[in-house]
């Protein structure tokens, strides 16, 4: 539980930092297409960082409790960030378009993560 909240918070902070980096340090370096890709990566990283924090909070013993679906939701979203946002960050900076083939893996992991979050919430104990 605690690890999920901490990981989500760190990934959220990193999202803000990467957003600022893209807006300032990469201004003039990236073309409009690269900026759009960077912004998408930052946005999805932030959304799923919040999802990771939510999964961690729901794992609290006084809420839904520690459950396998919530743990797997955490892992799916964390690896989704790595594959989806990570590949987009590198694509935006490098222009290597073949990295776009990795991005959908992260997207699928995001969908799986949210479904697992819903399953975990449905199976959890409500006090």
C-alpha atoms as a PDB file:
ATOM      1  CA  UNK A   1       0.000   0.000   0.000  1.00  0.00           C
ATOM      2  CA  UNK A   2       2.570   2.546   1.121  1.00  0.00           C
ATOM      3  CA  UNK A   3       4.880   1.645  -1.761  1.00  0.00           C
ATOM      4  CA  UNK A   4       2.117   2.247  -4.302  1.00  0.00           C
ATOM      5  CA  UNK A   5       1.328   5.679  -2.928  1.00  0.00           C
ATOM      6  CA  UNK A   6       5.001   6.646  -2.814  1.00  0.00           C
ATOM      7  CA  UNK A   7       5.648   5.326  -6.334  1.00  0.00           C
ATOM      8  CA  UNK A   8       2.595   7.118  -7.715  1.00  0.00           C
ATOM      9  CA  UNK A   9       3.591  10.357  -6.007  1.00  0.00           C
ATOM     10  CA  UNK A  10       7.145  10.151  -7.359  1.00  0.00           C
ATOM     11  CA  UNK A  11       5.885   9.396 -10.875  1.00  0.00           C
ATOM     12  CA  UNK A  12       3.461  12.320 -10.559  1.00  0.00           C
ATOM     13  CA  UNK A  13       6.247  14.669  -9.499  1.00  0.00           C
ATOM     14  CA  UNK A  14       8.381  13.391 -12.362  1.00  0.00           C
ATOM     15  CA  UNK A  15       5.473  14.091 -14.706  1.00  0.00           C
ATOM     16  CA  UNK A  16       5.369  17.734 -13.586  1.00  0.00           C
ATOM     17  CA  UNK A  17       9.145  18.023 -13.977  1.00  0.00           C
ATOM     18  CA  UNK A  18       9.068  16.454 -17.444  1.00  0.00           C
ATOM     19  CA  UNK A  19       6.209  18.729 -18.445  1.00  0.00           C
ATOM     20  CA  UNK A  20       8.194  21.780 -17.386  1.00  0.00           C
ATOM     21  CA  UNK A  21      11.295  20.421 -19.107  1.00  0.00           C
ATOM     22  CA  UNK A  22       9.341  19.959 -22.320  1.00  0.00           C
ATOM     23  CA  UNK A  23       7.799  23.418 -22.142  1.00  0.00           C
ATOM     24  CA  UNK A  24      11.045  25.236 -21.410  1.00  0.00           C
ATOM     25  CA  UNK A  25      14.204  23.282 -22.205  1.00  0.00           C
ATOM     26  CA  UNK A  26      12.809  21.629 -25.325  1.00  0.00           C
ATOM     27  CA  UNK A  27      11.128  24.773 -26.656  1.00  0.00           C
ATOM     28  CA  UNK A  28      12.565  25.340 -30.104  1.00  0.00           C
ATOM     29  CA  UNK A  29      14.205  21.900 -30.084  1.00  0.00           C
ATOM     30  CA  UNK A  30      11.054  19.908 -30.814  1.00  0.00           C
ATOM     31  CA  UNK A  31       8.809  20.596 -33.772  1.00  0.00           C
ATOM     32  CA  UNK A  32       5.020  20.806 -33.269  1.00  0.00           C
ATOM     33  CA  UNK A  33       4.670  17.046 -33.743  1.00  0.00           C
ATOM     34  CA  UNK A  34       7.378  16.328 -31.146  1.00  0.00           C
ATOM     35  CA  UNK A  35       5.800  18.777 -28.690  1.00  0.00           C
ATOM     36  CA  UNK A  36       2.437  17.073 -29.132  1.00  0.00           C
ATOM     37  CA  UNK A  37       3.962  13.662 -28.469  1.00  0.00           C
ATOM     38  CA  UNK A  38       5.793  14.977 -25.381  1.00  0.00           C
ATOM     39  CA  UNK A  39       2.597  16.538 -24.029  1.00  0.00           C
ATOM     40  CA  UNK A  40       0.669  13.283 -24.533  1.00  0.00           C
ATOM     41  CA  UNK A  41       3.351  11.351 -22.652  1.00  0.00           C
ATOM     42  CA  UNK A  42       3.258  13.804 -19.738  1.00  0.00           C
ATOM     43  CA  UNK A  43      -0.546  13.797 -19.605  1.00  0.00           C
ATOM     44  CA  UNK A  44      -0.864  10.014 -19.578  1.00  0.00           C
ATOM     45  CA  UNK A  45       1.919   9.694 -17.021  1.00  0.00           C
ATOM     46  CA  UNK A  46       0.098  12.065 -14.681  1.00  0.00           C
ATOM     47  CA  UNK A  47      -3.291  10.346 -15.096  1.00  0.00           C
ATOM     48  CA  UNK A  48      -1.819   6.963 -14.339  1.00  0.00           C
ATOM     49  CA  UNK A  49       0.339   8.226 -11.493  1.00  0.00           C
ATOM     50  CA  UNK A  50      -2.939   9.292  -9.878  1.00  0.00           C
ATOM     51  CA  UNK A  51      -4.345   5.829 -10.609  1.00  0.00           C
ATOM     52  CA  UNK A  52      -1.380   4.245  -8.846  1.00  0.00           C
ATOM     53  CA  UNK A  53      -1.903   6.492  -5.801  1.00  0.00           C
ATOM     54  CA  UNK A  54      -5.603   5.559  -5.817  1.00  0.00           C
ATOM     55  CA  UNK A  55      -4.791   1.836  -5.923  1.00  0.00           C
ATOM     56  CA  UNK A  56      -2.425   2.300  -2.976  1.00  0.00           C
ATOM     57  CA  UNK A  57      -5.005   4.214  -0.947  1.00  0.00           C
ATOM     58  CA  UNK A  58      -7.667   1.595  -1.637  1.00  0.00           C
ATOM     59  CA  UNK A  59      -5.300  -1.091  -0.305  1.00  0.00           C
ATOM     60  CA  UNK A  60      -5.485   0.463   3.158  1.00  0.00           C
ATOM     61  CA  UNK A  61      -6.880  -2.083   5.660  1.00  0.00           C
ATOM     62  CA  UNK A  62      -9.712   0.258   6.640  1.00  0.00           C
ATOM     63  CA  UNK A  63     -10.816   0.657   3.019  1.00  0.00           C
ATOM     64  CA  UNK A  64     -10.748  -2.296   0.603  1.00  0.00           C
ATOM     65  CA  UNK A  65      -7.721  -4.048   2.050  1.00  0.00           C
ATOM     66  CA  UNK A  66      -4.734  -5.635   0.428  1.00  0.00           C
ATOM     67  CA  UNK A  67      -5.906  -7.497  -2.671  1.00  0.00           C
ATOM     68  CA  UNK A  68      -4.210  -9.108  -5.645  1.00  0.00           C
ATOM     69  CA  UNK A  69      -6.193  -7.138  -8.269  1.00  0.00           C
ATOM     70  CA  UNK A  70      -5.174  -3.830  -6.689  1.00  0.00           C
ATOM     71  CA  UNK A  71      -1.518  -4.901  -6.555  1.00  0.00           C
ATOM     72  CA  UNK A  72      -1.645  -5.951 -10.207  1.00  0.00           C
ATOM     73  CA  UNK A  73      -3.372  -2.668 -11.095  1.00  0.00           C
ATOM     74  CA  UNK A  74      -0.379  -0.881  -9.590  1.00  0.00           C
ATOM     75  CA  UNK A  75       2.089  -2.944 -11.627  1.00  0.00           C
ATOM     76  CA  UNK A  76       0.082  -2.627 -14.853  1.00  0.00           C
ATOM     77  CA  UNK A  77      -0.116   1.156 -14.550  1.00  0.00           C
ATOM     78  CA  UNK A  78       3.537   1.520 -13.559  1.00  0.00           C
ATOM     79  CA  UNK A  79       4.747  -0.572 -16.487  1.00  0.00           C
ATOM     80  CA  UNK A  80       2.199   1.175 -18.697  1.00  0.00           C
ATOM     81  CA  UNK A  81       3.888   4.469 -17.861  1.00  0.00           C
ATOM     82  CA  UNK A  82       7.267   2.967 -18.672  1.00  0.00           C
ATOM     83  CA  UNK A  83       6.182   1.586 -22.061  1.00  0.00           C
ATOM     84  CA  UNK A  84       3.653   4.237 -23.138  1.00  0.00           C
ATOM     85  CA  UNK A  85       5.094   7.487 -21.826  1.00  0.00           C
ATOM     86  CA  UNK A  86       8.686   6.278 -21.930  1.00  0.00           C
ATOM     87  CA  UNK A  87       8.493   5.350 -25.597  1.00  0.00           C
ATOM     88  CA  UNK A  88       6.792   8.657 -26.424  1.00  0.00           C
ATOM     89  CA  UNK A  89       9.457  10.683 -24.590  1.00  0.00           C
ATOM     90  CA  UNK A  90      12.206   8.955 -26.545  1.00  0.00           C
ATOM     91  CA  UNK A  91      10.247   9.219 -29.811  1.00  0.00           C
ATOM     92  CA  UNK A  92       9.681  12.954 -29.323  1.00  0.00           C
ATOM     93  CA  UNK A  93      13.371  13.641 -28.738  1.00  0.00           C
ATOM     94  CA  UNK A  94      14.938  11.131 -31.133  1.00  0.00           C
ATOM     95  CA  UNK A  95      12.390  10.961 -33.938  1.00  0.00           C
ATOM     96  CA  UNK A  96      12.838   7.188 -34.115  1.00  0.00           C
ATOM     97  CA  UNK A  97       9.378   6.250 -35.330  1.00  0.00           C
ATOM     98  CA  UNK A  98       9.808   2.500 -34.739  1.00  0.00           C
ATOM     99  CA  UNK A  99       9.470   3.257 -31.014  1.00  0.00           C
ATOM    100  CA  UNK A 100       5.813   3.912 -31.751  1.00  0.00           C
ATOM    101  CA  UNK A 101       5.400   0.129 -31.923  1.00  0.00           C
ATOM    102  CA  UNK A 102       6.115  -0.097 -28.177  1.00  0.00           C
ATOM    103  CA  UNK A 103       3.577   2.545 -27.199  1.00  0.00           C
ATOM    104  CA  UNK A 104       0.445   0.361 -27.639  1.00  0.00           C
ATOM    105  CA  UNK A 105       1.856  -2.162 -25.154  1.00  0.00           C
ATOM    106  CA  UNK A 106       1.739   0.597 -22.551  1.00  0.00           C
ATOM    107  CA  UNK A 107      -1.777   1.533 -23.635  1.00  0.00           C
ATOM    108  CA  UNK A 108      -2.967  -2.034 -23.146  1.00  0.00           C
ATOM    109  CA  UNK A 109      -1.323  -2.093 -19.715  1.00  0.00           C
ATOM    110  CA  UNK A 110      -3.197   1.114 -18.813  1.00  0.00           C
ATOM    111  CA  UNK A 111      -6.529  -0.460 -19.783  1.00  0.00           C
ATOM    112  CA  UNK A 112      -5.692  -3.632 -17.863  1.00  0.00           C
ATOM    113  CA  UNK A 113      -4.685  -1.547 -14.843  1.00  0.00           C
ATOM    114  CA  UNK A 114      -8.002   0.303 -14.735  1.00  0.00           C
ATOM    115  CA  UNK A 115      -9.961  -2.938 -15.176  1.00  0.00           C
ATOM    116  CA  UNK A 116      -7.997  -4.524 -12.335  1.00  0.00           C
ATOM    117  CA  UNK A 117      -8.688  -1.471 -10.203  1.00  0.00           C
ATOM    118  CA  UNK A 118     -12.406  -1.937 -10.843  1.00  0.00           C
ATOM    119  CA  UNK A 119     -12.196  -5.656 -10.045  1.00  0.00           C
ATOM    120  CA  UNK A 120     -10.266  -4.922  -6.858  1.00  0.00           C
ATOM    121  CA  UNK A 121     -12.836  -2.349  -5.808  1.00  0.00           C
ATOM    122  CA  UNK A 122     -15.661  -4.777  -6.535  1.00  0.00           C
ATOM    123  CA  UNK A 123     -14.099  -7.625  -4.574  1.00  0.00           C
ATOM    124  CA  UNK A 124     -12.823  -5.538  -1.688  1.00  0.00           C
ATOM    125  CA  UNK A 125     -14.277  -5.496   1.791  1.00  0.00           C
ATOM    126  CA  UNK A 126     -16.191  -2.370   2.683  1.00  0.00           C
ATOM    127  CA  UNK A 127     -16.210  -1.551   6.379  1.00  0.00           C
END
